[in-house]
C-alpha atoms as a PDB file:
ATOM      1  CA  MET A   1     -11.166   4.084  24.184  1.00  0.00           C
ATOM      2  CA  LYS A   2     -10.540   1.005  22.044  1.00  0.00           C
ATOM      3  CA  ASN A   3      -7.173   0.353  20.422  1.00  0.00           C
ATOM      4  CA  TRP A   4      -7.445  -1.391  17.050  1.00  0.00           C
ATOM      5  CA  ALA A   5      -4.318  -2.883  15.457  1.00  0.00           C
ATOM      6  CA  ALA A   6      -4.201  -2.448  11.679  1.00  0.00           C
ATOM      7  CA  ILE A   7      -3.433  -5.396   9.422  1.00  0.00           C
ATOM      8  CA  ASP A   8      -3.499  -4.222   5.808  1.00  0.00           C
ATOM      9  CA  ILE A   9      -3.044  -6.908   3.150  1.00  0.00           C
ATOM     10  CA  LEU A  10      -1.646  -6.214  -0.319  1.00  0.00           C
ATOM     11  CA  LYS A  11      -0.799  -9.103  -2.643  1.00  0.00           C
ATOM     12  CA  GLY A  12      -0.993 -11.476   0.310  1.00  0.00           C
ATOM     13  CA  ARG A  13       1.492  -9.558   2.446  1.00  0.00           C
ATOM     14  CA  VAL A  14       1.163  -7.323   5.510  1.00  0.00           C
ATOM     15  CA  VAL A  15       1.954  -3.753   4.496  1.00  0.00           C
ATOM     16  CA  THR A  16       1.545  -0.145   5.491  1.00  0.00           C
ATOM     17  CA  LEU A  17       1.044   2.629   2.968  1.00  0.00           C
ATOM     18  CA  VAL A  18       2.062   6.266   2.986  1.00  0.00           C
ATOM     19  CA  LYS A  19      -0.853   8.621   2.312  1.00  0.00           C
ATOM     20  CA  GLY A  20      -2.945   5.763   0.959  1.00  0.00           C
ATOM     21  CA  ASP A  21      -0.675   5.203  -2.059  1.00  0.00           C
ATOM     22  CA  PRO A  22      -0.098   1.485  -2.850  1.00  0.00           C
ATOM     23  CA  SER A  23       3.143   2.341  -4.659  1.00  0.00           C
ATOM     24  CA  THR A  24       4.615   3.477  -1.331  1.00  0.00           C
ATOM     25  CA  SER A  25       3.886   0.259   0.546  1.00  0.00           C
ATOM     26  CA  THR A  26       6.265  -1.020   3.205  1.00  0.00           C
ATOM     27  CA  GLU A  27       6.145  -4.805   3.446  1.00  0.00           C
ATOM     28  CA  TRP A  28       6.689  -6.175   6.943  1.00  0.00           C
ATOM     29  CA  GLU A  29       8.504  -9.380   7.808  1.00  0.00           C
ATOM     30  CA  THR A  30       5.403 -11.061   9.170  1.00  0.00           C
ATOM     31  CA  ASP A  31       2.333 -12.698   7.746  1.00  0.00           C
ATOM     32  CA  ALA A  32      -1.221 -11.802   8.656  1.00  0.00           C
ATOM     33  CA  LEU A  33      -1.692 -14.677  11.108  1.00  0.00           C
ATOM     34  CA  GLU A  34       1.551 -13.866  12.924  1.00  0.00           C
ATOM     35  CA  ALA A  35       0.668 -10.188  13.110  1.00  0.00           C
ATOM     36  CA  ALA A  36      -2.838 -10.939  14.381  1.00  0.00           C
ATOM     37  CA  ALA A  37      -1.529 -13.279  17.085  1.00  0.00           C
ATOM     38  CA  ARG A  38       1.108 -10.765  18.160  1.00  0.00           C
ATOM     39  CA  TRP A  39      -1.230  -7.791  18.444  1.00  0.00           C
ATOM     40  CA  GLU A  40      -3.832  -9.900  20.228  1.00  0.00           C
ATOM     41  CA  GLU A  41      -1.252 -11.152  22.722  1.00  0.00           C
ATOM     42  CA  GLU A  42       0.095  -7.642  23.305  1.00  0.00           C
ATOM     43  CA  GLY A  43      -3.338  -6.319  24.196  1.00  0.00           C
ATOM     44  CA  ALA A  44      -5.167  -5.057  21.118  1.00  0.00           C
ATOM     45  CA  ASP A  45      -8.861  -4.526  21.753  1.00  0.00           C
ATOM     46  CA  GLY A  46      -9.525  -5.540  18.176  1.00  0.00           C
ATOM     47  CA  LEU A  47      -8.017  -6.036  14.713  1.00  0.00           C
ATOM     48  CA  HIS A  48      -8.682  -3.744  11.757  1.00  0.00           C
ATOM     49  CA  LEU A  49      -8.262  -6.064   8.778  1.00  0.00           C
ATOM     50  CA  VAL A  50      -8.283  -4.573   5.272  1.00  0.00           C
ATOM     51  CA  ASP A  51      -7.973  -6.156   1.837  1.00  0.00           C
ATOM     52  CA  LEU A  52      -6.183  -3.384  -0.045  1.00  0.00           C
ATOM     53  CA  ASP A  53      -6.342  -5.233  -3.364  1.00  0.00           C
ATOM     54  CA  ARG A  54     -10.134  -5.347  -3.106  1.00  0.00           C
ATOM     55  CA  ALA A  55     -10.218  -1.682  -2.101  1.00  0.00           C
ATOM     56  CA  ILE A  56      -8.375  -0.587  -5.233  1.00  0.00           C
ATOM     57  CA  GLY A  57      -9.896  -3.227  -7.516  1.00  0.00           C
ATOM     58  CA  SER A  58      -6.716  -5.174  -8.252  1.00  0.00           C
ATOM     59  CA  GLY A  59      -7.528  -8.584  -6.764  1.00  0.00           C
ATOM     60  CA  SER A  60      -8.557 -10.288  -3.551  1.00  0.00           C
ATOM     61  CA  ASN A  61      -6.968 -11.606  -0.360  1.00  0.00           C
ATOM     62  CA  GLY A  62     -10.067 -13.391   0.845  1.00  0.00           C
ATOM     63  CA  GLU A  63      -8.288 -16.541   2.021  1.00  0.00           C
ATOM     64  CA  VAL A  64      -5.838 -14.528   4.100  1.00  0.00           C
ATOM     65  CA  LEU A  65      -8.645 -12.595   5.758  1.00  0.00           C
ATOM     66  CA  GLN A  66     -10.578 -15.777   6.478  1.00  0.00           C
ATOM     67  CA  SER A  67      -7.545 -17.379   8.133  1.00  0.00           C
ATOM     68  CA  VAL A  68      -7.299 -14.422  10.522  1.00  0.00           C
ATOM     69  CA  LEU A  69     -11.004 -14.573  11.319  1.00  0.00           C
ATOM     70  CA  ARG A  70     -10.751 -18.277  12.128  1.00  0.00           C
ATOM     71  CA  ALA A  71      -7.839 -17.752  14.525  1.00  0.00           C
ATOM     72  CA  ALA A  72      -8.674 -14.459  16.238  1.00  0.00           C
ATOM     73  CA  ASN A  73      -9.991 -14.267  19.791  1.00  0.00           C
ATOM     74  CA  VAL A  74     -10.646 -10.526  19.731  1.00  0.00           C
ATOM     75  CA  PRO A  75     -13.114  -8.573  17.599  1.00  0.00           C
ATOM     76  CA  VAL A  76     -12.113  -8.210  13.953  1.00  0.00           C
ATOM     77  CA  GLU A  77     -13.525  -5.573  11.628  1.00  0.00           C
ATOM     78  CA  VAL A  78     -13.128  -6.306   7.922  1.00  0.00           C
ATOM     79  CA  GLY A  79     -12.922  -3.763   5.126  1.00  0.00           C
ATOM     80  CA  GLY A  80     -11.829  -3.376   1.549  1.00  0.00           C
ATOM     81  CA  GLY A  81     -14.205  -3.395  -1.401  1.00  0.00           C
ATOM     82  CA  ILE A  82     -17.388  -4.369   0.468  1.00  0.00           C
ATOM     83  CA  ARG A  83     -20.112  -3.091  -1.828  1.00  0.00           C
ATOM     84  CA  SER A  84     -23.196  -5.256  -1.296  1.00  0.00           C
ATOM     85  CA  VAL A  85     -25.389  -6.621   1.469  1.00  0.00           C
ATOM     86  CA  GLU A  86     -24.437 -10.144   0.393  1.00  0.00           C
ATOM     87  CA  GLU A  87     -20.753  -9.410   0.851  1.00  0.00           C
ATOM     88  CA  ALA A  88     -21.338  -7.732   4.200  1.00  0.00           C
ATOM     89  CA  CYS A  89     -23.377 -10.678   5.457  1.00  0.00           C
ATOM     90  CA  ARG A  90     -20.785 -13.135   4.186  1.00  0.00           C
ATOM     91  CA  TRP A  91     -17.971 -11.554   6.197  1.00  0.00           C
ATOM     92  CA  LEU A  92     -20.121 -11.339   9.289  1.00  0.00           C
ATOM     93  CA  ASP A  93     -21.068 -15.006   8.888  1.00  0.00           C
ATOM     94  CA  LEU A  94     -17.357 -15.824   8.589  1.00  0.00           C
ATOM     95  CA  GLY A  95     -16.728 -14.276  11.986  1.00  0.00           C
ATOM     96  CA  ALA A  96     -16.166 -10.552  11.499  1.00  0.00           C
ATOM     97  CA  SER A  97     -17.557  -8.480  14.337  1.00  0.00           C
ATOM     98  CA  ARG A  98     -18.140  -5.547  12.008  1.00  0.00           C
ATOM     99  CA  VAL A  99     -17.781  -4.709   8.331  1.00  0.00           C
ATOM    100  CA  VAL A 100     -16.321  -1.459   7.048  1.00  0.00           C
ATOM    101  CA  VAL A 101     -17.836   0.124   3.948  1.00  0.00           C
ATOM    102  CA  GLY A 102     -16.440   3.089   2.089  1.00  0.00           C
ATOM    103  CA  THR A 103     -17.104   4.129  -1.483  1.00  0.00           C
ATOM    104  CA  ILE A 104     -20.663   2.787  -1.709  1.00  0.00           C
ATOM    105  CA  ALA A 105     -21.652   4.857   1.308  1.00  0.00           C
ATOM    106  CA  PHE A 106     -21.005   7.964  -0.787  1.00  0.00           C
ATOM    107  CA  GLU A 107     -22.019   6.761  -4.225  1.00  0.00           C
ATOM    108  CA  GLN A 108     -24.957   4.468  -3.409  1.00  0.00           C
ATOM    109  CA  SER A 109     -26.541   5.552  -0.149  1.00  0.00           C
ATOM    110  CA  GLU A 110     -29.516   3.228  -0.701  1.00  0.00           C
ATOM    111  CA  LYS A 111     -27.158   0.240  -0.627  1.00  0.00           C
ATOM    112  CA  LEU A 112     -25.812   1.528   2.670  1.00  0.00           C
ATOM    113  CA  ARG A 113     -29.367   1.702   4.016  1.00  0.00           C
ATOM    114  CA  VAL A 114     -29.983  -1.884   2.905  1.00  0.00           C
ATOM    115  CA  ILE A 115     -26.825  -3.097   4.639  1.00  0.00           C
ATOM    116  CA  LEU A 116     -27.717  -1.236   7.829  1.00  0.00           C
ATOM    117  CA  ARG A 117     -31.201  -2.745   7.833  1.00  0.00           C
ATOM    118  CA  ALA A 118     -29.921  -6.242   7.065  1.00  0.00           C
ATOM    119  CA  VAL A 119     -27.202  -6.537   9.707  1.00  0.00           C
ATOM    120  CA  GLY A 120     -27.917  -3.706  12.128  1.00  0.00           C
ATOM    121  CA  PRO A 121     -25.991  -0.439  12.581  1.00  0.00           C
ATOM    122  CA  GLY A 122     -23.851  -1.919  15.348  1.00  0.00           C
ATOM    123  CA  ARG A 123     -22.180  -4.239  12.854  1.00  0.00           C
ATOM    124  CA  VAL A 124     -21.308  -1.624  10.238  1.00  0.00           C
ATOM    125  CA  ALA A 125     -18.718   1.153  10.227  1.00  0.00           C
ATOM    126  CA  VAL A 126     -18.383   3.717   7.456  1.00  0.00           C
ATOM    127  CA  ALA A 127     -14.846   4.634   6.407  1.00  0.00           C
ATOM    128  CA  VAL A 128     -14.503   8.348   5.769  1.00  0.00           C
ATOM    129  CA  ASP A 129     -11.072   9.068   4.323  1.00  0.00           C
ATOM    130  CA  PHE A 130     -10.200  12.727   4.054  1.00  0.00           C
ATOM    131  CA  LYS A 131      -7.523  15.111   2.830  1.00  0.00           C
ATOM    132  CA  GLU A 132      -7.627  18.806   3.716  1.00  0.00           C
ATOM    133  CA  ASN A 133     -11.136  18.158   5.076  1.00  0.00           C
ATOM    134  CA  ARG A 134     -12.376  16.819   1.710  1.00  0.00           C
ATOM    135  CA  VAL A 135     -13.596  13.246   1.410  1.00  0.00           C
ATOM    136  CA  LEU A 136     -11.652  10.746  -0.720  1.00  0.00           C
ATOM    137  CA  THR A 137     -13.246   7.678  -2.325  1.00  0.00           C
ATOM    138  CA  SER A 138     -12.438   4.930  -4.853  1.00  0.00           C
ATOM    139  CA  GLY A 139      -9.335   3.694  -3.082  1.00  0.00           C
ATOM    140  CA  TRP A 140      -8.222   7.243  -2.200  1.00  0.00           C
ATOM    141  CA  ARG A 141      -8.044   8.262  -5.854  1.00  0.00           C
ATOM    142  CA  GLN A 142     -11.109  10.518  -6.096  1.00  0.00           C
ATOM    143  CA  THR A 143     -11.708  13.734  -4.149  1.00  0.00           C
ATOM    144  CA  GLU A 144     -15.385  14.424  -3.444  1.00  0.00           C
ATOM    145  CA  SER A 145     -16.957  17.879  -3.191  1.00  0.00           C
ATOM    146  CA  VAL A 146     -18.354  17.214   0.279  1.00  0.00           C
ATOM    147  CA  ASP A 147     -16.346  18.066   3.389  1.00  0.00           C
ATOM    148  CA  ILE A 148     -15.848  15.572   6.161  1.00  0.00           C
ATOM    149  CA  LEU A 149     -18.177  17.200   8.686  1.00  0.00           C
ATOM    150  CA  ARG A 150     -21.126  17.301   6.307  1.00  0.00           C
ATOM    151  CA  ALA A 151     -20.427  13.724   5.214  1.00  0.00           C
ATOM    152  CA  VAL A 152     -20.414  12.384   8.761  1.00  0.00           C
ATOM    153  CA  GLU A 153     -23.548  14.337   9.648  1.00  0.00           C
ATOM    154  CA  SER A 154     -25.340  12.869   6.620  1.00  0.00           C
ATOM    155  CA  PHE A 155     -24.345   9.340   7.601  1.00  0.00           C
ATOM    156  CA  GLY A 156     -25.704   9.966  11.070  1.00  0.00           C
ATOM    157  CA  ARG A 157     -29.066  10.829   9.547  1.00  0.00           C
ATOM    158  CA  LEU A 158     -29.002   7.491   7.689  1.00  0.00           C
ATOM    159  CA  GLY A 159     -28.544   5.638  10.976  1.00  0.00           C
ATOM    160  CA  VAL A 160     -24.787   5.038  10.915  1.00  0.00           C
ATOM    161  CA  GLU A 161     -23.376   4.704  14.415  1.00  0.00           C
ATOM    162  CA  THR A 162     -19.620   4.338  13.802  1.00  0.00           C
ATOM    163  CA  ILE A 163     -17.270   6.324  11.566  1.00  0.00           C
ATOM    164  CA  ILE A 164     -13.640   5.423  10.881  1.00  0.00           C
ATOM    165  CA  ALA A 165     -12.064   8.751   9.953  1.00  0.00           C
ATOM    166  CA  THR A 166      -8.659   8.506   8.282  1.00  0.00           C
ATOM    167  CA  ALA A 167      -6.500  11.559   7.694  1.00  0.00           C
ATOM    168  CA  VAL A 168      -4.963  10.256   4.470  1.00  0.00           C
ATOM    169  CA  GLU A 169      -2.311  12.987   4.244  1.00  0.00           C
ATOM    170  CA  ARG A 170      -0.958  11.771   7.596  1.00  0.00           C
ATOM    171  CA  ASP A 171      -1.511   8.051   7.167  1.00  0.00           C
ATOM    172  CA  GLY A 172       1.754   6.145   7.426  1.00  0.00           C
ATOM    173  CA  THR A 173       3.783   9.337   7.836  1.00  0.00           C
ATOM    174  CA  ALA A 174       4.263   9.376  11.641  1.00  0.00           C
ATOM    175  CA  SER A 175       3.483  13.103  11.480  1.00  0.00           C
ATOM    176  CA  GLY A 176       0.822  13.088  14.190  1.00  0.00           C
ATOM    177  CA  PRO A 177      -2.978  12.834  13.993  1.00  0.00           C
ATOM    178  CA  ASP A 178      -5.198  15.639  12.696  1.00  0.00           C
ATOM    179  CA  PHE A 179      -6.383  16.651  16.164  1.00  0.00           C
ATOM    180  CA  ASN A 180      -8.408  19.612  14.891  1.00  0.00           C
ATOM    181  CA  ALA A 181     -10.450  17.468  12.532  1.00  0.00           C
ATOM    182  CA  TYR A 182     -11.130  14.860  15.190  1.00  0.00           C
ATOM    183  CA  SER A 183     -12.151  17.502  17.709  1.00  0.00           C
ATOM    184  CA  ALA A 184     -14.704  18.833  15.230  1.00  0.00           C
ATOM    185  CA  LEU A 185     -16.019  15.353  14.450  1.00  0.00           C
ATOM    186  CA  ARG A 186     -16.343  14.544  18.131  1.00  0.00           C
ATOM    187  CA  GLY A 187     -18.887  17.363  18.348  1.00  0.00           C
ATOM    188  CA  ILE A 188     -21.386  15.472  16.183  1.00  0.00           C
ATOM    189  CA  ASP A 189     -24.017  13.903  18.422  1.00  0.00           C
ATOM    190  CA  GLY A 190     -24.743  10.189  18.265  1.00  0.00           C
ATOM    191  CA  ILE A 191     -21.702   9.145  16.227  1.00  0.00           C
ATOM    192  CA  LYS A 192     -18.777   7.071  17.457  1.00  0.00           C
ATOM    193  CA  ILE A 193     -15.512   8.296  15.948  1.00  0.00           C
ATOM    194  CA  ILE A 194     -12.500   6.037  15.422  1.00  0.00           C
ATOM    195  CA  ALA A 195      -9.364   7.942  14.394  1.00  0.00           C
ATOM    196  CA  SER A 196      -6.745   6.672  11.980  1.00  0.00           C
ATOM    197  CA  GLY A 197      -3.640   8.201  10.439  1.00  0.00           C
ATOM    198  CA  GLY A 198      -0.405   9.700  11.723  1.00  0.00           C
ATOM    199  CA  ILE A 199      -0.191   8.188  15.203  1.00  0.00           C
ATOM    200  CA  ARG A 200       3.427   8.244  16.388  1.00  0.00           C
ATOM    201  CA  PHE A 201       3.602   7.792  20.148  1.00  0.00           C
ATOM    202  CA  PRO A 202       1.413   6.842  23.127  1.00  0.00           C
ATOM    203  CA  ASP A 203       0.944  10.559  23.833  1.00  0.00           C
ATOM    204  CA  ASP A 204      -0.967  10.868  20.542  1.00  0.00           C
ATOM    205  CA  VAL A 205      -3.348   8.146  21.673  1.00  0.00           C
ATOM    206  CA  ALA A 206      -3.745   9.779  25.087  1.00  0.00           C
ATOM    207  CA  ARG A 207      -4.600  13.114  23.481  1.00  0.00           C
ATOM    208  CA  LEU A 208      -7.209  11.526  21.194  1.00  0.00           C
ATOM    209  CA  SER A 209      -8.702   9.777  24.196  1.00  0.00           C
ATOM    210  CA  ALA A 210      -8.879  13.089  26.038  1.00  0.00           C
ATOM    211  CA  GLN A 211     -10.777  14.530  23.070  1.00  0.00           C
ATOM    212  CA  GLY A 212     -13.449  11.906  23.677  1.00  0.00           C
ATOM    213  CA  LEU A 213     -12.862   9.667  20.676  1.00  0.00           C
ATOM    214  CA  ASP A 214     -14.158   6.117  20.824  1.00  0.00           C
ATOM    215  CA  GLY A 215     -11.166   4.370  19.290  1.00  0.00           C
ATOM    216  CA  VAL A 216      -7.935   4.574  17.338  1.00  0.00           C
ATOM    217  CA  ILE A 217      -6.465   2.444  14.574  1.00  0.00           C
ATOM    218  CA  ILE A 218      -2.706   2.065  14.853  1.00  0.00           C
ATOM    219  CA  GLY A 219      -0.568   0.760  12.006  1.00  0.00           C
ATOM    220  CA  ARG A 220       3.019   1.789  11.262  1.00  0.00           C
ATOM    221  CA  ALA A 221       3.705   2.874  14.841  1.00  0.00           C
ATOM    222  CA  LEU A 222       3.044  -0.690  16.021  1.00  0.00           C
ATOM    223  CA  TYR A 223       5.192  -2.297  13.347  1.00  0.00           C
ATOM    224  CA  GLU A 224       8.050   0.144  13.969  1.00  0.00           C
ATOM    225  CA  GLY A 225       7.709  -0.165  17.739  1.00  0.00           C
ATOM    226  CA  THR A 226       7.140   3.487  18.618  1.00  0.00           C
ATOM    227  CA  VAL A 227       3.814   2.479  20.186  1.00  0.00           C
ATOM    228  CA  ARG A 228       3.374  -0.661  22.271  1.00  0.00           C
ATOM    229  CA  LEU A 229      -0.121  -1.819  23.002  1.00  0.00           C
ATOM    230  CA  ALA A 230       0.677  -2.653  26.611  1.00  0.00           C
ATOM    231  CA  GLU A 231       1.530   1.017  27.176  1.00  0.00           C
ATOM    232  CA  LEU A 232      -1.968   2.050  26.114  1.00  0.00           C
ATOM    233  CA  LYS A 233      -3.903   0.158  28.758  1.00  0.00           C
ATOM    234  CA  GLY A 234      -5.882   2.572  30.854  1.00  0.00           C
ATOM    235  CA  ILE A 235      -5.644   5.417  28.319  1.00  0.00           C
END
């Protein structure tokens, strides 16, 4: 299982949110380049780099993201407001190993198909954020009628290979992952599941690995030191 270190950028700073709410952001005493170098050195398999301002439509941190891409020596997936094939290709050309798309996957499935055809399914992940098994879109502000299982199954039929499933109610809360939801998602054939939200301790990562997940994204637990990447080797 791959361990991805989260670097979320809001107004140029490294932050973590609670339940996806920008008003609850904790700003960490590090910049994106320092965080990327630290997590890489400590053993991250990859970096999960998100422009939160782009995700919620309040601005852009493009220069910050590009600086991380130039310096990183591990895979970097980039997300936050990617809504066109041109944007997806641009980030891949700048060095991202994969782009993460969210809202357009639900609202404009044809655009998702175009992106998949243009860059290949191995270079695209779809972010499926959920609360009480219902999908959230538009920067976590809109609850969709579709449940997470049906959403992931539909993306599989479109040719999506990787899903980043975030339990928004647990994100940034250190309350533990939604193991039941991830167990159900793991039962969908042909889809790689990366879990995000609520991870507290190495035991949480070990349990997700035992469920057969393909990866985890770890944020607050890394910044607060309750999880150390070196401890996760071999899990």
